[in-house]
PDB file of N, CA and C in Angstrom:
ATOM      1  N   MET A   1       0.834  -1.170   0.000  1.00  0.00           N
ATOM      2  CA  MET A   1       0.000   0.000   0.000  1.00  0.00           C
ATOM      3  C   MET A   1       0.884   1.239   0.000  1.00  0.00           C
ATOM      4  N   SER A   2       0.610   2.149  -0.891  1.00  0.00           N
ATOM      5  CA  SER A   2       1.458   3.330  -0.982  1.00  0.00           C
ATOM      6  C   SER A   2       0.954   4.413  -0.039  1.00  0.00           C
ATOM      7  N   PHE A   3       1.825   5.322   0.277  1.00  0.00           N
ATOM      8  CA  PHE A   3       1.496   6.424   1.185  1.00  0.00           C
ATOM      9  C   PHE A   3       0.473   7.364   0.557  1.00  0.00           C
ATOM     10  N   GLY A   4       0.511   7.533  -0.766  1.00  0.00           N
ATOM     11  CA  GLY A   4      -0.427   8.418  -1.458  1.00  0.00           C
ATOM     12  C   GLY A   4      -1.872   7.939  -1.339  1.00  0.00           C
ATOM     13  N   LEU A   5      -2.067   6.621  -1.335  1.00  0.00           N
ATOM     14  CA  LEU A   5      -3.416   6.073  -1.226  1.00  0.00           C
ATOM     15  C   LEU A   5      -3.987   6.332   0.168  1.00  0.00           C
ATOM     16  N   GLU A   6      -3.162   6.227   1.207  1.00  0.00           N
ATOM     17  CA  GLU A   6      -3.619   6.492   2.569  1.00  0.00           C
ATOM     18  C   GLU A   6      -3.992   7.955   2.749  1.00  0.00           C
ATOM     19  N   VAL A   7      -3.247   8.851   2.159  1.00  0.00           N
ATOM     20  CA  VAL A   7      -3.570  10.281   2.245  1.00  0.00           C
ATOM     21  C   VAL A   7      -4.877  10.555   1.508  1.00  0.00           C
ATOM     22  N   GLY A   8      -5.084   9.886   0.377  1.00  0.00           N
ATOM     23  CA  GLY A   8      -6.327  10.065  -0.373  1.00  0.00           C
ATOM     24  C   GLY A   8      -7.537   9.607   0.436  1.00  0.00           C
ATOM     25  N   ILE A   9      -7.410   8.492   1.131  1.00  0.00           N
ATOM     26  CA  ILE A   9      -8.507   8.000   1.966  1.00  0.00           C
ATOM     27  C   ILE A   9      -8.769   8.980   3.108  1.00  0.00           C
ATOM     28  N   PHE A  10      -7.696   9.480   3.724  1.00  0.00           N
ATOM     29  CA  PHE A  10      -7.848  10.454   4.806  1.00  0.00           C
ATOM     30  C   PHE A  10      -8.550  11.707   4.307  1.00  0.00           C
ATOM     31  N   LEU A  11      -8.164  12.195   3.147  1.00  0.00           N
ATOM     32  CA  LEU A  11      -8.810  13.396   2.596  1.00  0.00           C
ATOM     33  C   LEU A  11     -10.273  13.137   2.241  1.00  0.00           C
ATOM     34  N   ALA A  12     -10.597  11.937   1.775  1.00  0.00           N
ATOM     35  CA  ALA A  12     -11.990  11.600   1.470  1.00  0.00           C
ATOM     36  C   ALA A  12     -12.830  11.582   2.747  1.00  0.00           C
ATOM     37  N   TYR A  13     -12.307  11.001   3.820  1.00  0.00           N
ATOM     38  CA  TYR A  13     -13.018  11.018   5.091  1.00  0.00           C
ATOM     39  C   TYR A  13     -13.187  12.449   5.612  1.00  0.00           C
ATOM     40  N   ALA A  14     -12.145  13.259   5.512  1.00  0.00           N
ATOM     41  CA  ALA A  14     -12.217  14.646   5.979  1.00  0.00           C
ATOM     42  C   ALA A  14     -13.248  15.434   5.175  1.00  0.00           C
ATOM     43  N   ALA A  15     -13.280  15.232   3.866  1.00  0.00           N
ATOM     44  CA  ALA A  15     -14.264  15.924   3.030  1.00  0.00           C
ATOM     45  C   ALA A  15     -15.677  15.459   3.370  1.00  0.00           C
ATOM     46  N   GLY A  16     -15.855  14.175   3.620  1.00  0.00           N
ATOM     47  CA  GLY A  16     -17.164  13.651   3.995  1.00  0.00           C
ATOM     48  C   GLY A  16     -17.648  14.213   5.320  1.00  0.00           C
ATOM     49  N   LEU A  17     -16.769  14.283   6.309  1.00  0.00           N
ATOM     50  CA  LEU A  17     -17.145  14.860   7.597  1.00  0.00           C
ATOM     51  C   LEU A  17     -17.477  16.343   7.466  1.00  0.00           C
ATOM     52  N   PHE A  18     -16.720  17.063   6.665  1.00  0.00           N
ATOM     53  CA  PHE A  18     -16.987  18.476   6.442  1.00  0.00           C
ATOM     54  C   PHE A  18     -18.341  18.665   5.762  1.00  0.00           C
ATOM     55  N   LEU A  19     -18.663  17.811   4.796  1.00  0.00           N
ATOM     56  CA  LEU A  19     -19.952  17.879   4.106  1.00  0.00           C
ATOM     57  C   LEU A  19     -21.108  17.598   5.068  1.00  0.00           C
ATOM     58  N   ILE A  20     -20.939  16.615   5.939  1.00  0.00           N
ATOM     59  CA  ILE A  20     -21.975  16.325   6.940  1.00  0.00           C
ATOM     60  C   ILE A  20     -22.147  17.508   7.872  1.00  0.00           C
ATOM     61  N   TYR A  21     -21.072  18.150   8.275  1.00  0.00           N
ATOM     62  CA  TYR A  21     -21.138  19.326   9.139  1.00  0.00           C
ATOM     63  C   TYR A  21     -21.895  20.463   8.461  1.00  0.00           C
ATOM     64  N   ILE A  22     -21.588  20.756   7.204  1.00  0.00           N
ATOM     65  CA  ILE A  22     -22.247  21.848   6.471  1.00  0.00           C
ATOM     66  C   ILE A  22     -23.734  21.546   6.295  1.00  0.00           C
ATOM     67  N   LEU A  23     -24.085  20.322   5.920  1.00  0.00           N
ATOM     68  CA  LEU A  23     -25.492  19.965   5.761  1.00  0.00           C
ATOM     69  C   LEU A  23     -26.237  20.052   7.088  1.00  0.00           C
ATOM     70  N   GLY A  24     -25.592  19.665   8.164  1.00  0.00           N
ATOM     71  CA  GLY A  24     -26.198  19.780   9.482  1.00  0.00           C
ATOM     72  C   GLY A  24     -26.482  21.223   9.856  1.00  0.00           C
ATOM     73  N   ARG A  25     -25.553  22.118   9.536  1.00  0.00           N
ATOM     74  CA  ARG A  25     -25.757  23.543   9.828  1.00  0.00           C
ATOM     75  C   ARG A  25     -26.927  24.088   9.015  1.00  0.00           C
ATOM     76  N   PHE A  26     -27.055  23.679   7.753  1.00  0.00           N
ATOM     77  CA  PHE A  26     -28.154  24.160   6.923  1.00  0.00           C
ATOM     78  C   PHE A  26     -29.501  23.648   7.412  1.00  0.00           C
ATOM     79  N   LEU A  27     -29.533  22.494   8.080  1.00  0.00           N
ATOM     80  CA  LEU A  27     -30.788  21.953   8.581  1.00  0.00           C
ATOM     81  C   LEU A  27     -31.144  22.485   9.966  1.00  0.00           C
ATOM     82  N   ILE A  28     -30.171  22.845  10.782  1.00  0.00           N
ATOM     83  CA  ILE A  28     -30.432  23.304  12.137  1.00  0.00           C
ATOM     84  C   ILE A  28     -31.016  24.711  12.144  1.00  0.00           C
ATOM     85  N   ILE A  29     -30.540  25.598  11.290  1.00  0.00           N
ATOM     86  CA  ILE A  29     -31.008  26.990  11.301  1.00  0.00           C
ATOM     87  C   ILE A  29     -32.506  27.085  11.021  1.00  0.00           C
ATOM     88  N   PRO A  30     -33.070  26.431  10.009  1.00  0.00           N
ATOM     89  CA  PRO A  30     -34.530  26.498   9.832  1.00  0.00           C
ATOM     90  C   PRO A  30     -35.302  25.863  10.988  1.00  0.00           C
ATOM     91  N   LEU A  31     -34.752  24.835  11.621  1.00  0.00           N
ATOM     92  CA  LEU A  31     -35.424  24.232  12.763  1.00  0.00           C
ATOM     93  C   LEU A  31     -35.493  25.202  13.931  1.00  0.00           C
ATOM     94  N   LYS A  32     -34.458  26.008  14.124  1.00  0.00           N
ATOM     95  CA  LYS A  32     -34.492  27.017  15.180  1.00  0.00           C
ATOM     96  C   LYS A  32     -35.584  28.036  14.894  1.00  0.00           C
ATOM     97  N   TRP A  33     -35.680  28.486  13.641  1.00  0.00           N
ATOM     98  CA  TRP A  33     -36.721  29.460  13.276  1.00  0.00           C
ATOM     99  C   TRP A  33     -38.106  28.861  13.464  1.00  0.00           C
ATOM    100  N   ALA A  34     -38.284  27.608  13.083  1.00  0.00           N
ATOM    101  CA  ALA A  34     -39.586  26.956  13.242  1.00  0.00           C
ATOM    102  C   ALA A  34     -39.933  26.796  14.719  1.00  0.00           C
ATOM    103  N   GLY A  35     -38.949  26.484  15.535  1.00  0.00           N
ATOM    104  CA  GLY A  35     -39.179  26.369  16.977  1.00  0.00           C
ATOM    105  C   GLY A  35     -39.578  27.689  17.596  1.00  0.00           C
ATOM    106  N   ARG A  36     -38.907  28.759  17.199  1.00  0.00           N
ATOM    107  CA  ARG A  36     -39.265  30.085  17.707  1.00  0.00           C
ATOM    108  C   ARG A  36     -40.664  30.476  17.262  1.00  0.00           C
ATOM    109  N   LEU A  37     -41.014  30.191  16.006  1.00  0.00           N
ATOM    110  CA  LEU A  37     -42.350  30.512  15.508  1.00  0.00           C
ATOM    111  C   LEU A  37     -43.407  29.711  16.252  1.00  0.00           C
ATOM    112  N   LEU A  38     -43.141  28.443  16.509  1.00  0.00           N
ATOM    113  CA  LEU A  38     -44.085  27.611  17.245  1.00  0.00           C
ATOM    114  C   LEU A  38     -44.279  28.126  18.666  1.00  0.00           C
ATOM    115  N   PHE A  39     -43.192  28.480  19.339  1.00  0.00           N
ATOM    116  CA  PHE A  39     -43.284  28.987  20.708  1.00  0.00           C
ATOM    117  C   PHE A  39     -44.039  30.312  20.749  1.00  0.00           C
ATOM    118  N   SER A  40     -43.727  31.226  19.844  1.00  0.00           N
ATOM    119  CA  SER A  40     -44.421  32.507  19.852  1.00  0.00           C
ATOM    120  C   SER A  40     -45.884  32.348  19.460  1.00  0.00           C
ATOM    121  N   SER A  41     -46.207  31.381  18.604  1.00  0.00           N
ATOM    122  CA  SER A  41     -47.603  31.125  18.256  1.00  0.00           C
ATOM    123  C   SER A  41     -48.374  30.571  19.452  1.00  0.00           C
ATOM    124  N   LEU A  42     -47.731  29.738  20.248  1.00  0.00           N
ATOM    125  CA  LEU A  42     -48.384  29.248  21.460  1.00  0.00           C
ATOM    126  C   LEU A  42     -48.673  30.390  22.424  1.00  0.00           C
ATOM    127  N   ILE A  43     -47.720  31.291  22.588  1.00  0.00           N
ATOM    128  CA  ILE A  43     -47.930  32.466  23.441  1.00  0.00           C
ATOM    129  C   ILE A  43     -49.051  33.322  22.854  1.00  0.00           C
ATOM    130  N   GLY A  44     -49.066  33.515  21.545  1.00  0.00           N
ATOM    131  CA  GLY A  44     -50.125  34.269  20.894  1.00  0.00           C
ATOM    132  C   GLY A  44     -51.492  33.643  21.098  1.00  0.00           C
ATOM    133  N   GLY A  45     -51.565  32.317  21.071  1.00  0.00           N
ATOM    134  CA  GLY A  45     -52.818  31.621  21.323  1.00  0.00           C
ATOM    135  C   GLY A  45     -53.316  31.844  22.740  1.00  0.00           C
ATOM    136  N   VAL A  46     -52.397  31.845  23.686  1.00  0.00           N
ATOM    137  CA  VAL A  46     -52.774  32.116  25.077  1.00  0.00           C
ATOM    138  C   VAL A  46     -53.295  33.539  25.212  1.00  0.00           C
ATOM    139  N   VAL A  47     -52.652  34.493  24.542  1.00  0.00           N
ATOM    140  CA  VAL A  47     -53.104  35.882  24.590  1.00  0.00           C
ATOM    141  C   VAL A  47     -54.500  36.012  23.994  1.00  0.00           C
ATOM    142  N   ILE A  48     -54.764  35.330  22.892  1.00  0.00           N
ATOM    143  CA  ILE A  48     -56.092  35.385  22.268  1.00  0.00           C
ATOM    144  C   ILE A  48     -57.147  34.784  23.198  1.00  0.00           C
ATOM    145  N   ILE A  49     -56.815  33.693  23.875  1.00  0.00           N
ATOM    146  CA  ILE A  49     -57.764  33.092  24.822  1.00  0.00           C
ATOM    147  C   ILE A  49     -58.079  34.070  25.947  1.00  0.00           C
ATOM    148  N   VAL A  50     -57.052  34.748  26.469  1.00  0.00           N
ATOM    149  CA  VAL A  50     -57.268  35.723  27.538  1.00  0.00           C
ATOM    150  C   VAL A  50     -58.108  36.891  27.035  1.00  0.00           C
ATOM    151  N   VAL A  51     -57.836  37.376  25.825  1.00  0.00           N
ATOM    152  CA  VAL A  51     -58.627  38.472  25.248  1.00  0.00           C
ATOM    153  C   VAL A  51     -60.076  38.036  25.073  1.00  0.00           C
ATOM    154  N   ASN A  52     -60.299  36.822  24.625  1.00  0.00           N
ATOM    155  CA  ASN A  52     -61.664  36.333  24.444  1.00  0.00           C
ATOM    156  C   ASN A  52     -62.388  36.179  25.779  1.00  0.00           C
ATOM    157  N   LEU A  53     -61.678  35.748  26.812  1.00  0.00           N
ATOM    158  CA  LEU A  53     -62.309  35.615  28.128  1.00  0.00           C
ATOM    159  C   LEU A  53     -62.682  36.975  28.709  1.00  0.00           C
ATOM    160  N   ILE A  54     -61.764  37.911  28.649  1.00  0.00           N
ATOM    161  CA  ILE A  54     -62.024  39.245  29.207  1.00  0.00           C
ATOM    162  C   ILE A  54     -62.950  40.038  28.295  1.00  0.00           C
ATOM    163  N   GLY A  55     -62.714  39.987  27.002  1.00  0.00           N
ATOM    164  CA  GLY A  55     -63.519  40.750  26.055  1.00  0.00           C
ATOM    165  C   GLY A  55     -64.905  40.194  25.840  1.00  0.00           C
ATOM    166  N   GLY A  56     -65.151  38.947  26.248  1.00  0.00           N
ATOM    167  CA  GLY A  56     -66.470  38.354  26.101  1.00  0.00           C
ATOM    168  C   GLY A  56     -67.540  39.104  26.876  1.00  0.00           C
ATOM    169  N   LEU A  57     -67.132  39.778  27.923  1.00  0.00           N
ATOM    170  CA  LEU A  57     -68.082  40.570  28.705  1.00  0.00           C
ATOM    171  C   LEU A  57     -68.626  41.747  27.905  1.00  0.00           C
ATOM    172  N   TRP A  58     -67.848  42.252  26.969  1.00  0.00           N
ATOM    173  CA  TRP A  58     -68.237  43.406  26.160  1.00  0.00           C
ATOM    174  C   TRP A  58     -68.528  43.037  24.710  1.00  0.00           C
ATOM    175  N   GLY A  59     -68.573  41.768  24.399  1.00  0.00           N
ATOM    176  CA  GLY A  59     -68.876  41.330  23.041  1.00  0.00           C
ATOM    177  C   GLY A  59     -67.687  41.386  22.099  1.00  0.00           C
ATOM    178  N   ILE A  60     -66.473  41.384  22.638  1.00  0.00           N
ATOM    179  CA  ILE A  60     -65.253  41.410  21.819  1.00  0.00           C
ATOM    180  C   ILE A  60     -64.769  39.970  21.648  1.00  0.00           C
ATOM    181  N   PHE A  61     -64.494  39.588  20.403  1.00  0.00           N
ATOM    182  CA  PHE A  61     -64.100  38.218  20.113  1.00  0.00           C
ATOM    183  C   PHE A  61     -63.075  38.212  18.990  1.00  0.00           C
ATOM    184  N   VAL A  62     -62.034  37.422  19.146  1.00  0.00           N
ATOM    185  CA  VAL A  62     -61.038  37.184  18.090  1.00  0.00           C
ATOM    186  C   VAL A  62     -60.977  35.671  17.888  1.00  0.00           C
ATOM    187  N   PRO A  63     -61.225  35.201  16.682  1.00  0.00           N
ATOM    188  CA  PRO A  63     -61.179  33.744  16.471  1.00  0.00           C
ATOM    189  C   PRO A  63     -59.775  33.194  16.711  1.00  0.00           C
ATOM    190  N   LEU A  64     -59.725  32.049  17.325  1.00  0.00           N
ATOM    191  CA  LEU A  64     -58.444  31.410  17.617  1.00  0.00           C
ATOM    192  C   LEU A  64     -58.167  30.351  16.559  1.00  0.00           C
ATOM    193  N   ASN A  65     -57.191  30.617  15.708  1.00  0.00           N
ATOM    194  CA  ASN A  65     -56.710  29.644  14.734  1.00  0.00           C
ATOM    195  C   ASN A  65     -55.206  29.837  14.566  1.00  0.00           C
ATOM    196  N   LEU A  66     -54.605  29.047  13.739  1.00  0.00           N
ATOM    197  CA  LEU A  66     -53.150  29.088  13.598  1.00  0.00           C
ATOM    198  C   LEU A  66     -52.663  30.439  13.081  1.00  0.00           C
ATOM    199  N   LEU A  67     -53.395  31.025  12.138  1.00  0.00           N
ATOM    200  CA  LEU A  67     -52.975  32.305  11.567  1.00  0.00           C
ATOM    201  C   LEU A  67     -53.053  33.433  12.579  1.00  0.00           C
ATOM    202  N   THR A  68     -54.165  33.537  13.297  1.00  0.00           N
ATOM    203  CA  THR A  68     -54.286  34.634  14.270  1.00  0.00           C
ATOM    204  C   THR A  68     -53.300  34.451  15.420  1.00  0.00           C
ATOM    205  N   ALA A  69     -53.063  33.217  15.844  1.00  0.00           N
ATOM    206  CA  ALA A  69     -52.085  32.973  16.902  1.00  0.00           C
ATOM    207  C   ALA A  69     -50.684  33.348  16.442  1.00  0.00           C
ATOM    208  N   ALA A  70     -50.344  33.051  15.191  1.00  0.00           N
ATOM    209  CA  ALA A  70     -49.025  33.410  14.667  1.00  0.00           C
ATOM    210  C   ALA A  70     -48.886  34.921  14.532  1.00  0.00           C
ATOM    211  N   ILE A  71     -49.960  35.598  14.118  1.00  0.00           N
ATOM    212  CA  ILE A  71     -49.904  37.058  13.989  1.00  0.00           C
ATOM    213  C   ILE A  71     -49.648  37.697  15.342  1.00  0.00           C
ATOM    214  N   VAL A  72     -50.396  37.281  16.361  1.00  0.00           N
ATOM    215  CA  VAL A  72     -50.199  37.846  17.698  1.00  0.00           C
ATOM    216  C   VAL A  72     -48.846  37.433  18.259  1.00  0.00           C
ATOM    217  N   GLY A  73     -48.422  36.214  18.009  1.00  0.00           N
ATOM    218  CA  GLY A  73     -47.138  35.757  18.523  1.00  0.00           C
ATOM    219  C   GLY A  73     -45.959  36.477  17.915  1.00  0.00           C
ATOM    220  N   VAL A  74     -46.015  36.740  16.622  1.00  0.00           N
ATOM    221  CA  VAL A  74     -44.883  37.382  15.942  1.00  0.00           C
ATOM    222  C   VAL A  74     -44.919  38.892  16.133  1.00  0.00           C
ATOM    223  N   LEU A  75     -46.093  39.500  15.974  1.00  0.00           N
ATOM    224  CA  LEU A  75     -46.181  40.960  16.037  1.00  0.00           C
ATOM    225  C   LEU A  75     -46.378  41.502  17.448  1.00  0.00           C
ATOM    226  N   GLY A  76     -46.835  40.656  18.355  1.00  0.00           N
ATOM    227  CA  GLY A  76     -47.007  41.086  19.727  1.00  0.00           C
ATOM    228  C   GLY A  76     -48.256  41.936  19.912  1.00  0.00           C
ATOM    229  N   LEU A  77     -48.137  42.964  20.750  1.00  0.00           N
ATOM    230  CA  LEU A  77     -49.269  43.830  21.073  1.00  0.00           C
ATOM    231  C   LEU A  77     -49.850  44.532  19.851  1.00  0.00           C
ATOM    232  N   PRO A  78     -49.040  45.086  18.939  1.00  0.00           N
ATOM    233  CA  PRO A  78     -49.644  45.697  17.747  1.00  0.00           C
ATOM    234  C   PRO A  78     -50.456  44.701  16.910  1.00  0.00           C
ATOM    235  N   GLY A  79     -50.018  43.470  16.834  1.00  0.00           N
ATOM    236  CA  GLY A  79     -50.769  42.452  16.109  1.00  0.00           C
ATOM    237  C   GLY A  79     -52.092  42.143  16.786  1.00  0.00           C
ATOM    238  N   ALA A  80     -52.083  42.089  18.119  1.00  0.00           N
ATOM    239  CA  ALA A  80     -53.322  41.843  18.858  1.00  0.00           C
ATOM    240  C   ALA A  80     -54.305  42.986  18.664  1.00  0.00           C
ATOM    241  N   VAL A  81     -53.816  44.214  18.702  1.00  0.00           N
ATOM    242  CA  VAL A  81     -54.688  45.381  18.510  1.00  0.00           C
ATOM    243  C   VAL A  81     -55.255  45.385  17.097  1.00  0.00           C
ATOM    244  N   CYS A  82     -54.449  45.081  16.112  1.00  0.00           N
ATOM    245  CA  CYS A  82     -54.936  45.043  14.725  1.00  0.00           C
ATOM    246  C   CYS A  82     -56.007  43.967  14.538  1.00  0.00           C
ATOM    247  N   LEU A  83     -55.812  42.807  15.143  1.00  0.00           N
ATOM    248  CA  LEU A  83     -56.828  41.753  15.042  1.00  0.00           C
ATOM    249  C   LEU A  83     -58.112  42.156  15.764  1.00  0.00           C
ATOM    250  N   LEU A  84     -57.983  42.809  16.915  1.00  0.00           N
ATOM    251  CA  LEU A  84     -59.164  43.283  17.625  1.00  0.00           C
ATOM    252  C   LEU A  84     -59.949  44.281  16.777  1.00  0.00           C
ATOM    253  N   LEU A  85     -59.240  45.196  16.144  1.00  0.00           N
ATOM    254  CA  LEU A  85     -59.905  46.174  15.282  1.00  0.00           C
ATOM    255  C   LEU A  85     -60.499  45.503  14.044  1.00  0.00           C
ATOM    256  N   PHE A  86     -59.798  44.558  13.473  1.00  0.00           N
ATOM    257  CA  PHE A  86     -60.280  43.898  12.252  1.00  0.00           C
ATOM    258  C   PHE A  86     -61.545  43.096  12.507  1.00  0.00           C
ATOM    259  N   PHE A  87     -61.580  42.344  13.605  1.00  0.00           N
ATOM    260  CA  PHE A  87     -62.728  41.463  13.837  1.00  0.00           C
ATOM    261  C   PHE A  87     -63.869  42.115  14.586  1.00  0.00           C
ATOM    262  N   ASN A  88     -63.684  43.306  15.138  1.00  0.00           N
ATOM    263  CA  ASN A  88     -64.722  43.888  15.955  1.00  0.00           C
ATOM    264  C   ASN A  88     -65.196  45.255  15.466  1.00  0.00           C
ATOM    265  N   LEU A  89     -64.781  45.685  14.323  1.00  0.00           N
ATOM    266  CA  LEU A  89     -65.285  46.942  13.773  1.00  0.00           C
ATOM    267  C   LEU A  89     -66.132  46.706  12.558  1.00  0.00           C
TER     268      LEU A  89
END
């Protein structure tokens, strides 16, 4: 076995590990964004439930679905106010 063949095998393994590392990085970043969106949507859903409970006394209602929860979760208070105005005016 020549020394050149062993170096070639080592370089092939190194390139393969580097490729796995790069592909892993490309897959982890979107998963982080999806996790943050899911968490903020859950918080938005809780906010909508609280608004519906308190606002029910005055006839204020915001439908709870994935889109409205994501809007409130991502935009925060301005998103909640916009949804309140949209559904109750």
